[in-house]
Amino acid sequence: MREETVPITTEYIKLQDLLKFSGAVETGGEAKALIQEGQVLVNGEVCTMRGKKLRPGDTAVLDGIRLVVA
């Protein structure tokens, strides 16, 4: 599994924005579909909330890519 650290300068980042910002998906529509289909794990659990707030230390996993918020 590939791991990427995604630094943020705000208190949190929304899940769909994290996927777009990191380049894991190309569009917001793609992020929305993958999240709603249950294909994204947040901190080890399936998450279907696009607006889920991720803070430093949280992780999201999609298609073998682990995104760590820093």
PDB file of N, CA and C in Angstrom:
ATOM      1  N   MET A   1       0.838  -1.184   0.000  1.00  0.00           N
ATOM      2  CA  MET A   1       0.000   0.000   0.000  1.00  0.00           C
ATOM      3  C   MET A   1       0.883   1.248   0.000  1.00  0.00           C
ATOM      4  N   ARG A   2       0.572   2.156  -0.908  1.00  0.00           N
ATOM      5  CA  ARG A   2       1.322   3.406  -0.996  1.00  0.00           C
ATOM      6  C   ARG A   2       0.771   4.397   0.032  1.00  0.00           C
ATOM      7  N   GLU A   3       1.664   5.119   0.696  1.00  0.00           N
ATOM      8  CA  GLU A   3       1.248   6.091   1.706  1.00  0.00           C
ATOM      9  C   GLU A   3       1.716   7.482   1.309  1.00  0.00           C
ATOM     10  N   GLU A   4       0.817   8.442   1.404  1.00  0.00           N
ATOM     11  CA  GLU A   4       1.142   9.834   1.117  1.00  0.00           C
ATOM     12  C   GLU A   4       0.744  10.698   2.298  1.00  0.00           C
ATOM     13  N   THR A   5       1.603  11.630   2.647  1.00  0.00           N
ATOM     14  CA  THR A   5       1.291  12.596   3.691  1.00  0.00           C
ATOM     15  C   THR A   5       0.758  13.850   3.018  1.00  0.00           C
ATOM     16  N   VAL A   6      -0.376  14.324   3.506  1.00  0.00           N
ATOM     17  CA  VAL A   6      -1.015  15.503   2.931  1.00  0.00           C
ATOM     18  C   VAL A   6      -1.021  16.607   3.985  1.00  0.00           C
ATOM     19  N   PRO A   7      -0.117  17.585   3.855  1.00  0.00           N
ATOM     20  CA  PRO A   7      -0.085  18.667   4.847  1.00  0.00           C
ATOM     21  C   PRO A   7      -1.224  19.657   4.602  1.00  0.00           C
ATOM     22  N   ILE A   8      -1.863  20.096   5.683  1.00  0.00           N
ATOM     23  CA  ILE A   8      -2.910  21.113   5.568  1.00  0.00           C
ATOM     24  C   ILE A   8      -2.527  22.292   6.461  1.00  0.00           C
ATOM     25  N   THR A   9      -3.053  23.460   6.136  1.00  0.00           N
ATOM     26  CA  THR A   9      -2.744  24.660   6.919  1.00  0.00           C
ATOM     27  C   THR A   9      -3.960  25.150   7.685  1.00  0.00           C
ATOM     28  N   THR A  10      -5.051  24.391   7.623  1.00  0.00           N
ATOM     29  CA  THR A  10      -6.269  24.748   8.330  1.00  0.00           C
ATOM     30  C   THR A  10      -6.514  23.737   9.439  1.00  0.00           C
ATOM     31  N   GLU A  11      -7.546  23.967  10.229  1.00  0.00           N
ATOM     32  CA  GLU A  11      -7.866  23.066  11.342  1.00  0.00           C
ATOM     33  C   GLU A  11      -8.271  21.680  10.842  1.00  0.00           C
ATOM     34  N   TYR A  12      -8.988  21.649   9.720  1.00  0.00           N
ATOM     35  CA  TYR A  12      -9.454  20.379   9.164  1.00  0.00           C
ATOM     36  C   TYR A  12      -9.605  20.509   7.650  1.00  0.00           C
ATOM     37  N   ILE A  13      -9.814  19.351   6.998  1.00  0.00           N
ATOM     38  CA  ILE A  13     -10.110  19.311   5.568  1.00  0.00           C
ATOM     39  C   ILE A  13     -11.233  18.299   5.385  1.00  0.00           C
ATOM     40  N   LYS A  14     -12.175  18.631   4.526  1.00  0.00           N
ATOM     41  CA  LYS A  14     -13.283  17.710   4.270  1.00  0.00           C
ATOM     42  C   LYS A  14     -12.781  16.542   3.420  1.00  0.00           C
ATOM     43  N   LEU A  15     -13.387  15.380   3.631  1.00  0.00           N
ATOM     44  CA  LEU A  15     -12.952  14.157   2.960  1.00  0.00           C
ATOM     45  C   LEU A  15     -12.909  14.316   1.443  1.00  0.00           C
ATOM     46  N   GLN A  16     -13.963  14.826   0.838  1.00  0.00           N
ATOM     47  CA  GLN A  16     -13.949  14.933  -0.627  1.00  0.00           C
ATOM     48  C   GLN A  16     -12.873  15.911  -1.087  1.00  0.00           C
ATOM     49  N   ASP A  17     -12.598  16.956  -0.308  1.00  0.00           N
ATOM     50  CA  ASP A  17     -11.541  17.908  -0.662  1.00  0.00           C
ATOM     51  C   ASP A  17     -10.163  17.273  -0.531  1.00  0.00           C
ATOM     52  N   LEU A  18      -9.992  16.411   0.470  1.00  0.00           N
ATOM     53  CA  LEU A  18      -8.719  15.702   0.641  1.00  0.00           C
ATOM     54  C   LEU A  18      -8.433  14.819  -0.565  1.00  0.00           C
ATOM     55  N   LEU A  19      -9.450  14.115  -1.028  1.00  0.00           N
ATOM     56  CA  LEU A  19      -9.257  13.230  -2.177  1.00  0.00           C
ATOM     57  C   LEU A  19      -8.885  14.021  -3.432  1.00  0.00           C
ATOM     58  N   LYS A  20      -9.523  15.178  -3.631  1.00  0.00           N
ATOM     59  CA  LYS A  20      -9.205  16.021  -4.785  1.00  0.00           C
ATOM     60  C   LYS A  20      -7.819  16.659  -4.627  1.00  0.00           C
ATOM     61  N   PHE A  21      -7.536  17.231  -3.460  1.00  0.00           N
ATOM     62  CA  PHE A  21      -6.281  17.936  -3.207  1.00  0.00           C
ATOM     63  C   PHE A  21      -5.078  17.009  -3.361  1.00  0.00           C
ATOM     64  N   SER A  22      -5.219  15.769  -2.923  1.00  0.00           N
ATOM     65  CA  SER A  22      -4.108  14.820  -2.993  1.00  0.00           C
ATOM     66  C   SER A  22      -3.908  14.237  -4.388  1.00  0.00           C
ATOM     67  N   GLY A  23      -4.908  14.405  -5.243  1.00  0.00           N
ATOM     68  CA  GLY A  23      -4.816  13.838  -6.585  1.00  0.00           C
ATOM     69  C   GLY A  23      -5.315  12.407  -6.675  1.00  0.00           C
ATOM     70  N   ALA A  24      -5.909  11.899  -5.612  1.00  0.00           N
ATOM     71  CA  ALA A  24      -6.439  10.533  -5.624  1.00  0.00           C
ATOM     72  C   ALA A  24      -7.620  10.410  -6.589  1.00  0.00           C
ATOM     73  N   VAL A  25      -8.353  11.516  -6.774  1.00  0.00           N
ATOM     74  CA  VAL A  25      -9.432  11.587  -7.760  1.00  0.00           C
ATOM     75  C   VAL A  25      -9.248  12.873  -8.556  1.00  0.00           C
ATOM     76  N   GLU A  26      -9.867  12.925  -9.721  1.00  0.00           N
ATOM     77  CA  GLU A  26      -9.705  14.111 -10.562  1.00  0.00           C
ATOM     78  C   GLU A  26     -10.806  15.144 -10.367  1.00  0.00           C
ATOM     79  N   THR A  27     -12.019  14.683 -10.018  1.00  0.00           N
ATOM     80  CA  THR A  27     -13.142  15.613  -9.895  1.00  0.00           C
ATOM     81  C   THR A  27     -13.904  15.389  -8.599  1.00  0.00           C
ATOM     82  N   GLY A  28     -14.678  16.397  -8.239  1.00  0.00           N
ATOM     83  CA  GLY A  28     -15.530  16.275  -7.065  1.00  0.00           C
ATOM     84  C   GLY A  28     -16.610  15.234  -7.269  1.00  0.00           C
ATOM     85  N   GLY A  29     -17.090  15.102  -8.508  1.00  0.00           N
ATOM     86  CA  GLY A  29     -18.097  14.093  -8.810  1.00  0.00           C
ATOM     87  C   GLY A  29     -17.574  12.680  -8.607  1.00  0.00           C
ATOM     88  N   GLU A  30     -16.330  12.470  -8.997  1.00  0.00           N
ATOM     89  CA  GLU A  30     -15.702  11.158  -8.806  1.00  0.00           C
ATOM     90  C   GLU A  30     -15.545  10.874  -7.316  1.00  0.00           C
ATOM     91  N   ALA A  31     -15.115  11.875  -6.559  1.00  0.00           N
ATOM     92  CA  ALA A  31     -14.966  11.724  -5.103  1.00  0.00           C
ATOM     93  C   ALA A  31     -16.310  11.381  -4.469  1.00  0.00           C
ATOM     94  N   LYS A  32     -17.348  12.111  -4.869  1.00  0.00           N
ATOM     95  CA  LYS A  32     -18.694  11.897  -4.329  1.00  0.00           C
ATOM     96  C   LYS A  32     -19.148  10.455  -4.568  1.00  0.00           C
ATOM     97  N   ALA A  33     -18.978   9.987  -5.796  1.00  0.00           N
ATOM     98  CA  ALA A  33     -19.426   8.634  -6.140  1.00  0.00           C
ATOM     99  C   ALA A  33     -18.679   7.576  -5.333  1.00  0.00           C
ATOM    100  N   LEU A  34     -17.364   7.691  -5.256  1.00  0.00           N
ATOM    101  CA  LEU A  34     -16.573   6.696  -4.523  1.00  0.00           C
ATOM    102  C   LEU A  34     -16.923   6.683  -3.038  1.00  0.00           C
ATOM    103  N   ILE A  35     -17.120   7.861  -2.466  1.00  0.00           N
ATOM    104  CA  ILE A  35     -17.457   7.955  -1.044  1.00  0.00           C
ATOM    105  C   ILE A  35     -18.830   7.345  -0.793  1.00  0.00           C
ATOM    106  N   GLN A  36     -19.824   7.708  -1.601  1.00  0.00           N
ATOM    107  CA  GLN A  36     -21.180   7.209  -1.405  1.00  0.00           C
ATOM    108  C   GLN A  36     -21.292   5.710  -1.652  1.00  0.00           C
ATOM    109  N   GLU A  37     -20.383   5.153  -2.478  1.00  0.00           N
ATOM    110  CA  GLU A  37     -20.371   3.707  -2.727  1.00  0.00           C
ATOM    111  C   GLU A  37     -19.674   2.941  -1.611  1.00  0.00           C
ATOM    112  N   GLY A  38     -19.107   3.653  -0.628  1.00  0.00           N
ATOM    113  CA  GLY A  38     -18.449   2.994   0.504  1.00  0.00           C
ATOM    114  C   GLY A  38     -17.060   2.495   0.185  1.00  0.00           C
ATOM    115  N   GLN A  39     -16.390   3.093  -0.805  1.00  0.00           N
ATOM    116  CA  GLN A  39     -15.063   2.637  -1.200  1.00  0.00           C
ATOM    117  C   GLN A  39     -13.937   3.354  -0.467  1.00  0.00           C
ATOM    118  N   VAL A  40     -14.276   4.257   0.450  1.00  0.00           N
ATOM    119  CA  VAL A  40     -13.257   5.024   1.172  1.00  0.00           C
ATOM    120  C   VAL A  40     -13.314   4.676   2.653  1.00  0.00           C
ATOM    121  N   LEU A  41     -12.150   4.382   3.212  1.00  0.00           N
ATOM    122  CA  LEU A  41     -12.047   4.133   4.646  1.00  0.00           C
ATOM    123  C   LEU A  41     -11.447   5.360   5.317  1.00  0.00           C
ATOM    124  N   VAL A  42     -12.027   5.756   6.440  1.00  0.00           N
ATOM    125  CA  VAL A  42     -11.473   6.844   7.244  1.00  0.00           C
ATOM    126  C   VAL A  42     -11.146   6.258   8.609  1.00  0.00           C
ATOM    127  N   ASN A  43      -9.885   6.338   8.974  1.00  0.00           N
ATOM    128  CA  ASN A  43      -9.413   5.772  10.236  1.00  0.00           C
ATOM    129  C   ASN A  43      -9.852   4.318  10.401  1.00  0.00           C
ATOM    130  N   GLY A  44      -9.806   3.568   9.282  1.00  0.00           N
ATOM    131  CA  GLY A  44     -10.082   2.130   9.326  1.00  0.00           C
ATOM    132  C   GLY A  44     -11.538   1.741   9.195  1.00  0.00           C
ATOM    133  N   GLU A  45     -12.467   2.709   9.049  1.00  0.00           N
ATOM    134  CA  GLU A  45     -13.886   2.398   8.943  1.00  0.00           C
ATOM    135  C   GLU A  45     -14.453   3.012   7.664  1.00  0.00           C
ATOM    136  N   VAL A  46     -15.413   2.323   7.060  1.00  0.00           N
ATOM    137  CA  VAL A  46     -16.063   2.847   5.860  1.00  0.00           C
ATOM    138  C   VAL A  46     -16.752   4.158   6.214  1.00  0.00           C
ATOM    139  N   CYS A  47     -16.557   5.152   5.364  1.00  0.00           N
ATOM    140  CA  CYS A  47     -17.176   6.456   5.588  1.00  0.00           C
ATOM    141  C   CYS A  47     -17.925   6.858   4.325  1.00  0.00           C
ATOM    142  N   THR A  48     -19.212   7.215   4.477  1.00  0.00           N
ATOM    143  CA  THR A  48     -20.020   7.635   3.335  1.00  0.00           C
ATOM    144  C   THR A  48     -20.391   9.113   3.425  1.00  0.00           C
ATOM    145  N   MET A  49     -19.709   9.852   4.271  1.00  0.00           N
ATOM    146  CA  MET A  49     -19.983  11.283   4.439  1.00  0.00           C
ATOM    147  C   MET A  49     -18.918  12.093   3.697  1.00  0.00           C
ATOM    148  N   ARG A  50     -19.320  12.771   2.621  1.00  0.00           N
ATOM    149  CA  ARG A  50     -18.373  13.577   1.841  1.00  0.00           C
ATOM    150  C   ARG A  50     -17.771  14.700   2.668  1.00  0.00           C
ATOM    151  N   GLY A  51     -18.563  15.263   3.572  1.00  0.00           N
ATOM    152  CA  GLY A  51     -18.119  16.408   4.360  1.00  0.00           C
ATOM    153  C   GLY A  51     -17.432  16.037   5.656  1.00  0.00           C
ATOM    154  N   LYS A  52     -17.085  14.762   5.827  1.00  0.00           N
ATOM    155  CA  LYS A  52     -16.403  14.316   7.049  1.00  0.00           C
ATOM    156  C   LYS A  52     -15.149  15.154   7.260  1.00  0.00           C
ATOM    157  N   LYS A  53     -15.011  15.732   8.451  1.00  0.00           N
ATOM    158  CA  LYS A  53     -13.864  16.584   8.750  1.00  0.00           C
ATOM    159  C   LYS A  53     -12.681  15.728   9.207  1.00  0.00           C
ATOM    160  N   LEU A  54     -11.573  15.840   8.495  1.00  0.00           N
ATOM    161  CA  LEU A  54     -10.357  15.121   8.856  1.00  0.00           C
ATOM    162  C   LEU A  54      -9.352  16.114   9.410  1.00  0.00           C
ATOM    163  N   ARG A  55      -8.760  15.746  10.520  1.00  0.00           N
ATOM    164  CA  ARG A  55      -7.779  16.598  11.181  1.00  0.00           C
ATOM    165  C   ARG A  55      -6.414  15.912  11.150  1.00  0.00           C
ATOM    166  N   PRO A  56      -5.347  16.652  11.426  1.00  0.00           N
ATOM    167  CA  PRO A  56      -4.014  16.022  11.433  1.00  0.00           C
ATOM    168  C   PRO A  56      -4.002  14.738  12.263  1.00  0.00           C
ATOM    169  N   GLY A  57      -3.429  13.692  11.672  1.00  0.00           N
ATOM    170  CA  GLY A  57      -3.378  12.384  12.323  1.00  0.00           C
ATOM    171  C   GLY A  57      -4.410  11.417  11.768  1.00  0.00           C
ATOM    172  N   ASP A  58      -5.453  11.934  11.121  1.00  0.00           N
ATOM    173  CA  ASP A  58      -6.472  11.079  10.521  1.00  0.00           C
ATOM    174  C   ASP A  58      -5.942  10.485   9.216  1.00  0.00           C
ATOM    175  N   THR A  59      -6.519   9.355   8.816  1.00  0.00           N
ATOM    176  CA  THR A  59      -6.115   8.711   7.567  1.00  0.00           C
ATOM    177  C   THR A  59      -7.338   8.380   6.725  1.00  0.00           C
ATOM    178  N   ALA A  60      -7.136   8.365   5.418  1.00  0.00           N
ATOM    179  CA  ALA A  60      -8.164   7.927   4.478  1.00  0.00           C
ATOM    180  C   ALA A  60      -7.500   6.946   3.521  1.00  0.00           C
ATOM    181  N   VAL A  61      -8.201   5.877   3.187  1.00  0.00           N
ATOM    182  CA  VAL A  61      -7.658   4.870   2.282  1.00  0.00           C
ATOM    183  C   VAL A  61      -8.610   4.711   1.102  1.00  0.00           C
ATOM    184  N   LEU A  62      -8.041   4.761  -0.118  1.00  0.00           N
ATOM    185  CA  LEU A  62      -8.807   4.590  -1.344  1.00  0.00           C
ATOM    186  C   LEU A  62      -7.921   3.885  -2.356  1.00  0.00           C
ATOM    187  N   ASP A  63      -8.381   2.756  -2.872  1.00  0.00           N
ATOM    188  CA  ASP A  63      -7.662   2.039  -3.932  1.00  0.00           C
ATOM    189  C   ASP A  63      -6.184   1.812  -3.629  1.00  0.00           C
ATOM    190  N   GLY A  64      -5.866   1.378  -2.432  1.00  0.00           N
ATOM    191  CA  GLY A  64      -4.486   1.070  -2.095  1.00  0.00           C
ATOM    192  C   GLY A  64      -3.615   2.282  -1.806  1.00  0.00           C
ATOM    193  N   ILE A  65      -4.225   3.452  -1.730  1.00  0.00           N
ATOM    194  CA  ILE A  65      -3.489   4.670  -1.380  1.00  0.00           C
ATOM    195  C   ILE A  65      -3.942   5.117  -0.004  1.00  0.00           C
ATOM    196  N   ARG A  66      -3.000   5.245   0.898  1.00  0.00           N
ATOM    197  CA  ARG A  66      -3.300   5.689   2.264  1.00  0.00           C
ATOM    198  C   ARG A  66      -2.867   7.162   2.366  1.00  0.00           C
ATOM    199  N   LEU A  67      -3.841   8.025   2.638  1.00  0.00           N
ATOM    200  CA  LEU A  67      -3.585   9.452   2.770  1.00  0.00           C
ATOM    201  C   LEU A  67      -3.566   9.815   4.243  1.00  0.00           C
ATOM    202  N   VAL A  68      -2.458  10.377   4.701  1.00  0.00           N
ATOM    203  CA  VAL A  68      -2.326  10.757   6.103  1.00  0.00           C
ATOM    204  C   VAL A  68      -2.353  12.279   6.180  1.00  0.00           C
ATOM    205  N   VAL A  69      -3.294  12.815   6.942  1.00  0.00           N
ATOM    206  CA  VAL A  69      -3.412  14.256   7.103  1.00  0.00           C
ATOM    207  C   VAL A  69      -2.378  14.717   8.113  1.00  0.00           C
ATOM    208  N   ALA A  70      -1.610  15.722   7.744  1.00  0.00           N
ATOM    209  CA  ALA A  70      -0.566  16.241   8.643  1.00  0.00           C
ATOM    210  C   ALA A  70      -0.729  17.737   8.824  1.00  0.00           C
TER     211      ALA A  70
END
